[in-house]
PDB file of N, CA and C in Angstrom:
ATOM      1  N   MET A   1      95.235  66.220  75.026  1.00  0.00           N
ATOM      2  CA  MET A   1      93.913  66.817  75.043  1.00  0.00           C
ATOM      3  C   MET A   1      93.634  67.415  73.659  1.00  0.00           C
ATOM      4  N   SER A   2      92.540  67.049  73.087  1.00  0.00           N
ATOM      5  CA  SER A   2      92.200  67.567  71.764  1.00  0.00           C
ATOM      6  C   SER A   2      91.542  68.939  71.892  1.00  0.00           C
ATOM      7  N   THR A   3      91.429  69.632  70.761  1.00  0.00           N
ATOM      8  CA  THR A   3      90.851  70.973  70.792  1.00  0.00           C
ATOM      9  C   THR A   3      89.365  70.949  71.140  1.00  0.00           C
ATOM     10  N   MET A   4      88.694  69.879  70.811  1.00  0.00           N
ATOM     11  CA  MET A   4      87.276  69.782  71.140  1.00  0.00           C
ATOM     12  C   MET A   4      87.097  69.711  72.650  1.00  0.00           C
ATOM     13  N   GLU A   5      87.933  68.952  73.320  1.00  0.00           N
ATOM     14  CA  GLU A   5      87.822  68.854  74.768  1.00  0.00           C
ATOM     15  C   GLU A   5      88.179  70.171  75.430  1.00  0.00           C
ATOM     16  N   ALA A   6      89.181  70.862  74.914  1.00  0.00           N
ATOM     17  CA  ALA A   6      89.574  72.145  75.488  1.00  0.00           C
ATOM     18  C   ALA A   6      88.470  73.180  75.303  1.00  0.00           C
ATOM     19  N   SER A   7      87.848  73.206  74.145  1.00  0.00           N
ATOM     20  CA  SER A   7      86.778  74.179  73.922  1.00  0.00           C
ATOM     21  C   SER A   7      85.579  73.875  74.813  1.00  0.00           C
ATOM     22  N   THR A   8      85.312  72.619  75.056  1.00  0.00           N
ATOM     23  CA  THR A   8      84.217  72.250  75.949  1.00  0.00           C
ATOM     24  C   THR A   8      84.506  72.729  77.366  1.00  0.00           C
ATOM     25  N   ILE A   9      85.750  72.606  77.787  1.00  0.00           N
ATOM     26  CA  ILE A   9      86.127  73.068  79.127  1.00  0.00           C
ATOM     27  C   ILE A   9      85.957  74.579  79.224  1.00  0.00           C
ATOM     28  N   TYR A  10      86.353  75.307  78.186  1.00  0.00           N
ATOM     29  CA  TYR A  10      86.189  76.761  78.193  1.00  0.00           C
ATOM     30  C   TYR A  10      84.721  77.167  78.249  1.00  0.00           C
ATOM     31  N   VAL A  11      83.872  76.465  77.542  1.00  0.00           N
ATOM     32  CA  VAL A  11      82.440  76.765  77.563  1.00  0.00           C
ATOM     33  C   VAL A  11      81.872  76.508  78.952  1.00  0.00           C
ATOM     34  N   VAL A  12      82.279  75.418  79.580  1.00  0.00           N
ATOM     35  CA  VAL A  12      81.794  75.104  80.924  1.00  0.00           C
ATOM     36  C   VAL A  12      82.257  76.167  81.919  1.00  0.00           C
ATOM     37  N   ILE A  13      83.513  76.590  81.828  1.00  0.00           N
ATOM     38  CA  ILE A  13      84.024  77.630  82.718  1.00  0.00           C
ATOM     39  C   ILE A  13      83.251  78.932  82.515  1.00  0.00           C
ATOM     40  N   ALA A  14      82.985  79.299  81.265  1.00  0.00           N
ATOM     41  CA  ALA A  14      82.237  80.517  80.982  1.00  0.00           C
ATOM     42  C   ALA A  14      80.812  80.426  81.525  1.00  0.00           C
ATOM     43  N   LEU A  15      80.181  79.275  81.378  1.00  0.00           N
ATOM     44  CA  LEU A  15      78.813  79.109  81.882  1.00  0.00           C
ATOM     45  C   LEU A  15      78.769  79.180  83.405  1.00  0.00           C
ATOM     46  N   VAL A  16      79.758  78.599  84.060  1.00  0.00           N
ATOM     47  CA  VAL A  16      79.807  78.661  85.528  1.00  0.00           C
ATOM     48  C   VAL A  16      79.990  80.107  85.980  1.00  0.00           C
ATOM     49  N   ALA A  17      80.882  80.846  85.324  1.00  0.00           N
ATOM     50  CA  ALA A  17      81.097  82.248  85.680  1.00  0.00           C
ATOM     51  C   ALA A  17      79.825  83.069  85.466  1.00  0.00           C
ATOM     52  N   LEU A  18      79.144  82.852  84.353  1.00  0.00           N
ATOM     53  CA  LEU A  18      77.899  83.580  84.094  1.00  0.00           C
ATOM     54  C   LEU A  18      76.797  83.182  85.073  1.00  0.00           C
ATOM     55  N   ALA A  19      76.775  81.923  85.475  1.00  0.00           N
ATOM     56  CA  ALA A  19      75.783  81.475  86.456  1.00  0.00           C
ATOM     57  C   ALA A  19      76.019  82.158  87.805  1.00  0.00           C
ATOM     58  N   ILE A  20      77.278  82.307  88.182  1.00  0.00           N
ATOM     59  CA  ILE A  20      77.597  82.991  89.437  1.00  0.00           C
ATOM     60  C   ILE A  20      77.154  84.448  89.367  1.00  0.00           C
ATOM     61  N   ILE A  21      77.432  85.104  88.252  1.00  0.00           N
ATOM     62  CA  ILE A  21      77.009  86.498  88.073  1.00  0.00           C
ATOM     63  C   ILE A  21      75.490  86.596  88.118  1.00  0.00           C
ATOM     64  N   PHE A  22      74.816  85.676  87.466  1.00  0.00           N
ATOM     65  CA  PHE A  22      73.346  85.659  87.449  1.00  0.00           C
ATOM     66  C   PHE A  22      72.798  85.525  88.868  1.00  0.00           C
ATOM     67  N   VAL A  23      73.364  84.611  89.647  1.00  0.00           N
ATOM     68  CA  VAL A  23      72.898  84.396  91.019  1.00  0.00           C
ATOM     69  C   VAL A  23      73.148  85.644  91.861  1.00  0.00           C
ATOM     70  N   LEU A  24      74.295  86.277  91.697  1.00  0.00           N
ATOM     71  CA  LEU A  24      74.590  87.476  92.476  1.00  0.00           C
ATOM     72  C   LEU A  24      73.619  88.612  92.184  1.00  0.00           C
ATOM     73  N   PHE A  25      73.133  88.721  90.957  1.00  0.00           N
ATOM     74  CA  PHE A  25      72.203  89.792  90.618  1.00  0.00           C
ATOM     75  C   PHE A  25      70.767  89.474  91.020  1.00  0.00           C
ATOM     76  N   PHE A  26      70.402  88.224  91.064  1.00  0.00           N
ATOM     77  CA  PHE A  26      69.004  87.895  91.314  1.00  0.00           C
ATOM     78  C   PHE A  26      68.707  87.403  92.716  1.00  0.00           C
ATOM     79  N   ILE A  27      69.731  87.290  93.562  1.00  0.00           N
ATOM     80  CA  ILE A  27      69.452  86.984  94.960  1.00  0.00           C
ATOM     81  C   ILE A  27      68.856  88.235  95.584  1.00  0.00           C
ATOM     82  N   PRO A  28      67.668  88.114  96.135  1.00  0.00           N
ATOM     83  CA  PRO A  28      67.034  89.319  96.676  1.00  0.00           C
ATOM     84  C   PRO A  28      67.795  89.836  97.900  1.00  0.00           C
ATOM     85  N   ARG A  29      68.173  91.075  97.835  1.00  0.00           N
ATOM     86  CA  ARG A  29      68.821  91.746  98.961  1.00  0.00           C
ATOM     87  C   ARG A  29      68.068  93.039  99.210  1.00  0.00           C
ATOM     88  N   GLU A  30      67.737  93.263 100.460  1.00  0.00           N
ATOM     89  CA  GLU A  30      66.994  94.468 100.771  1.00  0.00           C
ATOM     90  C   GLU A  30      67.886  95.699 100.735  1.00  0.00           C
ATOM     91  N   LYS A  31      69.167  95.525 100.993  1.00  0.00           N
ATOM     92  CA  LYS A  31      70.070  96.672 101.023  1.00  0.00           C
ATOM     93  C   LYS A  31      70.587  97.044  99.639  1.00  0.00           C
ATOM     94  N   ARG A  32      70.399  96.179  98.679  1.00  0.00           N
ATOM     95  CA  ARG A  32      70.922  96.434  97.338  1.00  0.00           C
ATOM     96  C   ARG A  32      70.120  97.536  96.659  1.00  0.00           C
ATOM     97  N   LYS A  33      70.845  98.523  96.162  1.00  0.00           N
ATOM     98  CA  LYS A  33      70.187  99.632  95.479  1.00  0.00           C
ATOM     99  C   LYS A  33      70.103  99.395  93.980  1.00  0.00           C
ATOM    100  N   SER A  34      71.081  98.712  93.423  1.00  0.00           N
ATOM    101  CA  SER A  34      71.089  98.522  91.975  1.00  0.00           C
ATOM    102  C   SER A  34      70.441  97.193  91.605  1.00  0.00           C
ATOM    103  N   GLN A  35      69.642  97.223  90.604  1.00  0.00           N
ATOM    104  CA  GLN A  35      68.986  96.037  90.077  1.00  0.00           C
ATOM    105  C   GLN A  35      69.412  95.848  88.627  1.00  0.00           C
ATOM    106  N   LEU A  36      69.245  94.654  88.145  1.00  0.00           N
ATOM    107  CA  LEU A  36      69.559  94.361  86.756  1.00  0.00           C
ATOM    108  C   LEU A  36      68.497  95.025  85.877  1.00  0.00           C
ATOM    109  N   THR A  37      68.939  95.894  84.993  1.00  0.00           N
ATOM    110  CA  THR A  37      68.003  96.594  84.110  1.00  0.00           C
ATOM    111  C   THR A  37      67.584  95.663  82.971  1.00  0.00           C
ATOM    112  N   PRO A  38      66.472  95.972  82.319  1.00  0.00           N
ATOM    113  CA  PRO A  38      66.057  95.138  81.183  1.00  0.00           C
ATOM    114  C   PRO A  38      67.111  95.080  80.077  1.00  0.00           C
ATOM    115  N   LEU A  39      67.803  96.184  79.846  1.00  0.00           N
ATOM    116  CA  LEU A  39      68.839  96.204  78.817  1.00  0.00           C
ATOM    117  C   LEU A  39      70.015  95.302  79.208  1.00  0.00           C
ATOM    118  N   ALA A  40      70.379  95.308  80.477  1.00  0.00           N
ATOM    119  CA  ALA A  40      71.455  94.435  80.950  1.00  0.00           C
ATOM    120  C   ALA A  40      71.024  92.967  80.884  1.00  0.00           C
ATOM    121  N   GLY A  41      69.769  92.696  81.190  1.00  0.00           N
ATOM    122  CA  GLY A  41      69.256  91.332  81.085  1.00  0.00           C
ATOM    123  C   GLY A  41      69.260  90.833  79.645  1.00  0.00           C
ATOM    124  N   LEU A  42      68.919  91.720  78.732  1.00  0.00           N
ATOM    125  CA  LEU A  42      68.947  91.370  77.313  1.00  0.00           C
ATOM    126  C   LEU A  42      70.384  91.094  76.861  1.00  0.00           C
ATOM    127  N   ALA A  43      71.318  91.923  77.331  1.00  0.00           N
ATOM    128  CA  ALA A  43      72.732  91.712  77.004  1.00  0.00           C
ATOM    129  C   ALA A  43      73.204  90.365  77.540  1.00  0.00           C
ATOM    130  N   PHE A  44      72.819  90.045  78.756  1.00  0.00           N
ATOM    131  CA  PHE A  44      73.166  88.765  79.378  1.00  0.00           C
ATOM    132  C   PHE A  44      72.624  87.605  78.542  1.00  0.00           C
ATOM    133  N   GLY A  45      71.390  87.739  78.070  1.00  0.00           N
ATOM    134  CA  GLY A  45      70.783  86.695  77.243  1.00  0.00           C
ATOM    135  C   GLY A  45      71.510  86.505  75.915  1.00  0.00           C
ATOM    136  N   PHE A  46      71.894  87.604  75.276  1.00  0.00           N
ATOM    137  CA  PHE A  46      72.635  87.492  74.014  1.00  0.00           C
ATOM    138  C   PHE A  46      73.990  86.824  74.219  1.00  0.00           C
ATOM    139  N   ILE A  47      74.660  87.154  75.317  1.00  0.00           N
ATOM    140  CA  ILE A  47      75.962  86.534  75.579  1.00  0.00           C
ATOM    141  C   ILE A  47      75.795  85.044  75.826  1.00  0.00           C
ATOM    142  N   LEU A  48      74.778  84.666  76.598  1.00  0.00           N
ATOM    143  CA  LEU A  48      74.518  83.233  76.808  1.00  0.00           C
ATOM    144  C   LEU A  48      74.189  82.529  75.497  1.00  0.00           C
ATOM    145  N   ALA A  49      73.377  83.161  74.661  1.00  0.00           N
ATOM    146  CA  ALA A  49      73.035  82.568  73.368  1.00  0.00           C
ATOM    147  C   ALA A  49      74.280  82.401  72.510  1.00  0.00           C
ATOM    148  N   GLY A  50      75.190  83.364  72.573  1.00  0.00           N
ATOM    149  CA  GLY A  50      76.436  83.261  71.827  1.00  0.00           C
ATOM    150  C   GLY A  50      77.301  82.108  72.293  1.00  0.00           C
ATOM    151  N   ILE A  51      77.295  81.855  73.596  1.00  0.00           N
ATOM    152  CA  ILE A  51      78.067  80.726  74.118  1.00  0.00           C
ATOM    153  C   ILE A  51      77.451  79.408  73.668  1.00  0.00           C
ATOM    154  N   PHE A  52      76.132  79.332  73.668  1.00  0.00           N
ATOM    155  CA  PHE A  52      75.474  78.088  73.271  1.00  0.00           C
ATOM    156  C   PHE A  52      75.508  77.857  71.764  1.00  0.00           C
ATOM    157  N   ALA A  53      75.743  78.883  70.978  1.00  0.00           N
ATOM    158  CA  ALA A  53      75.804  78.743  69.522  1.00  0.00           C
ATOM    159  C   ALA A  53      77.243  78.483  69.093  1.00  0.00           C
ATOM    160  N   ASN A  54      77.895  77.522  69.732  1.00  0.00           N
ATOM    161  CA  ASN A  54      79.310  77.288  69.456  1.00  0.00           C
ATOM    162  C   ASN A  54      79.543  76.471  68.184  1.00  0.00           C
ATOM    163  N   GLU A  55      78.505  75.986  67.548  1.00  0.00           N
ATOM    164  CA  GLU A  55      78.700  75.242  66.304  1.00  0.00           C
ATOM    165  C   GLU A  55      79.059  76.178  65.158  1.00  0.00           C
ATOM    166  N   SER A  56      78.500  77.356  65.154  1.00  0.00           N
ATOM    167  CA  SER A  56      78.787  78.345  64.126  1.00  0.00           C
ATOM    168  C   SER A  56      79.495  79.532  64.784  1.00  0.00           C
ATOM    169  N   ARG A  57      80.767  79.705  64.458  1.00  0.00           N
ATOM    170  CA  ARG A  57      81.535  80.782  65.095  1.00  0.00           C
ATOM    171  C   ARG A  57      80.990  82.156  64.748  1.00  0.00           C
ATOM    172  N   VAL A  58      80.556  82.347  63.522  1.00  0.00           N
ATOM    173  CA  VAL A  58      80.056  83.660  63.107  1.00  0.00           C
ATOM    174  C   VAL A  58      78.817  84.030  63.921  1.00  0.00           C
ATOM    175  N   VAL A  59      77.896  83.097  64.058  1.00  0.00           N
ATOM    176  CA  VAL A  59      76.671  83.360  64.812  1.00  0.00           C
ATOM    177  C   VAL A  59      77.000  83.557  66.291  1.00  0.00           C
ATOM    178  N   GLY A  60      77.834  82.696  66.848  1.00  0.00           N
ATOM    179  CA  GLY A  60      78.189  82.789  68.264  1.00  0.00           C
ATOM    180  C   GLY A  60      78.874  84.095  68.605  1.00  0.00           C
ATOM    181  N   TYR A  61      79.884  84.454  67.819  1.00  0.00           N
ATOM    182  CA  TYR A  61      80.591  85.700  68.076  1.00  0.00           C
ATOM    183  C   TYR A  61      79.690  86.907  67.808  1.00  0.00           C
ATOM    184  N   GLY A  62      78.820  86.793  66.836  1.00  0.00           N
ATOM    185  CA  GLY A  62      77.880  87.884  66.556  1.00  0.00           C
ATOM    186  C   GLY A  62      76.936  88.128  67.727  1.00  0.00           C
ATOM    187  N   LEU A  63      76.390  87.046  68.269  1.00  0.00           N
ATOM    188  CA  LEU A  63      75.493  87.181  69.419  1.00  0.00           C
ATOM    189  C   LEU A  63      76.223  87.744  70.632  1.00  0.00           C
ATOM    190  N   MET A  64      77.451  87.270  70.864  1.00  0.00           N
ATOM    191  CA  MET A  64      78.225  87.802  71.981  1.00  0.00           C
ATOM    192  C   MET A  64      78.559  89.280  71.759  1.00  0.00           C
ATOM    193  N   GLY A  65      78.859  89.643  70.529  1.00  0.00           N
ATOM    194  CA  GLY A  65      79.143  91.039  70.219  1.00  0.00           C
ATOM    195  C   GLY A  65      77.946  91.937  70.480  1.00  0.00           C
ATOM    196  N   ILE A  66      76.757  91.469  70.088  1.00  0.00           N
ATOM    197  CA  ILE A  66      75.531  92.230  70.352  1.00  0.00           C
ATOM    198  C   ILE A  66      75.333  92.386  71.859  1.00  0.00           C
ATOM    199  N   GLY A  67      75.596  91.312  72.604  1.00  0.00           N
ATOM    200  CA  GLY A  67      75.474  91.377  74.059  1.00  0.00           C
ATOM    201  C   GLY A  67      76.426  92.379  74.680  1.00  0.00           C
ATOM    202  N   VAL A  68      77.661  92.416  74.208  1.00  0.00           N
ATOM    203  CA  VAL A  68      78.641  93.367  74.735  1.00  0.00           C
ATOM    204  C   VAL A  68      78.231  94.797  74.394  1.00  0.00           C
ATOM    205  N   ILE A  69      77.752  95.012  73.174  1.00  0.00           N
ATOM    206  CA  ILE A  69      77.310  96.357  72.777  1.00  0.00           C
ATOM    207  C   ILE A  69      76.134  96.813  73.645  1.00  0.00           C
ATOM    208  N   LEU A  70      75.190  95.910  73.906  1.00  0.00           N
ATOM    209  CA  LEU A  70      74.058  96.264  74.762  1.00  0.00           C
ATOM    210  C   LEU A  70      74.511  96.554  76.197  1.00  0.00           C
ATOM    211  N   ALA A  71      75.481  95.793  76.685  1.00  0.00           N
ATOM    212  CA  ALA A  71      75.992  96.027  78.035  1.00  0.00           C
ATOM    213  C   ALA A  71      76.676  97.391  78.120  1.00  0.00           C
ATOM    214  N   ILE A  72      77.445  97.735  77.101  1.00  0.00           N
ATOM    215  CA  ILE A  72      78.100  99.044  77.083  1.00  0.00           C
ATOM    216  C   ILE A  72      77.056 100.157  77.015  1.00  0.00           C
ATOM    217  N   ALA A  73      76.026  99.958  76.218  1.00  0.00           N
ATOM    218  CA  ALA A  73      74.951 100.951  76.133  1.00  0.00           C
ATOM    219  C   ALA A  73      74.266 101.125  77.490  1.00  0.00           C
ATOM    220  N   ASP A  74      74.072 100.038  78.208  1.00  0.00           N
ATOM    221  CA  ASP A  74      73.464 100.101  79.534  1.00  0.00           C
ATOM    222  C   ASP A  74      74.356 100.871  80.505  1.00  0.00           C
ATOM    223  N   ILE A  75      75.662 100.652  80.425  1.00  0.00           N
ATOM    224  CA  ILE A  75      76.607 101.381  81.284  1.00  0.00           C
ATOM    225  C   ILE A  75      76.546 102.875  80.992  1.00  0.00           C
ATOM    226  N   ILE A  76      76.481 103.224  79.717  1.00  0.00           N
ATOM    227  CA  ILE A  76      76.420 104.642  79.332  1.00  0.00           C
ATOM    228  C   ILE A  76      75.123 105.273  79.824  1.00  0.00           C
ATOM    229  N   VAL A  77      74.007 104.565  79.681  1.00  0.00           N
ATOM    230  CA  VAL A  77      72.716 105.098  80.136  1.00  0.00           C
ATOM    231  C   VAL A  77      72.737 105.307  81.650  1.00  0.00           C
ATOM    232  N   LYS A  78      73.281 104.350  82.398  1.00  0.00           N
ATOM    233  CA  LYS A  78      73.355 104.488  83.854  1.00  0.00           C
ATOM    234  C   LYS A  78      74.261 105.651  84.253  1.00  0.00           C
ATOM    235  N   ALA A  79      75.356 105.833  83.534  1.00  0.00           N
ATOM    236  CA  ALA A  79      76.283 106.935  83.853  1.00  0.00           C
ATOM    237  C   ALA A  79      75.633 108.269  83.586  1.00  0.00           C
ATOM    238  N   LYS A  80      74.841 108.390  82.543  1.00  0.00           N
ATOM    239  CA  LYS A  80      74.166 109.655  82.241  1.00  0.00           C
ATOM    240  C   LYS A  80      73.072 109.966  83.262  1.00  0.00           C
ATOM    241  N   LYS A  81      72.421 108.925  83.791  1.00  0.00           N
ATOM    242  CA  LYS A  81      71.379 109.150  84.806  1.00  0.00           C
ATOM    243  C   LYS A  81      71.970 109.660  86.120  1.00  0.00           C
ATOM    244  N   LYS A  82      73.200 109.252  86.429  1.00  0.00           N
ATOM    245  CA  LYS A  82      73.837 109.686  87.668  1.00  0.00           C
ATOM    246  C   LYS A  82      74.255 111.148  87.624  1.00  0.00           C
ATOM    247  N   GLN A  83      74.469 111.681  86.430  1.00  0.00           N
ATOM    248  CA  GLN A  83      74.953 113.065  86.311  1.00  0.00           C
ATOM    249  C   GLN A  83      73.865 114.046  86.505  1.00  0.00           C
TER     250      GLN A  83
END
C-alpha cells in the first residue's frame, strides 16, 4: 500500500466520522437541550475545509488549527455561561 492510498483512507475515515457527528447534531430532537452554536458550526466548517485542503499541508493544518481554536473558544464560552 502506498502512502497516497493510506492518506486517502485516513481522509475518508475522518470524513465519515465528521458526517456522523454532523448528523447527530442536526437530527431534530425535541428533548435535546443543547444545539450547535454558530461558533461551533464555524469550527466544524474550518476543520472540514482543512481536511479537503490536503494538497497543501500548511493550509490544511492551518485551517484545522483555526477550527480547533474556535471549538475550544466555544467550550470556554459555554462553560462561563453555566456558572
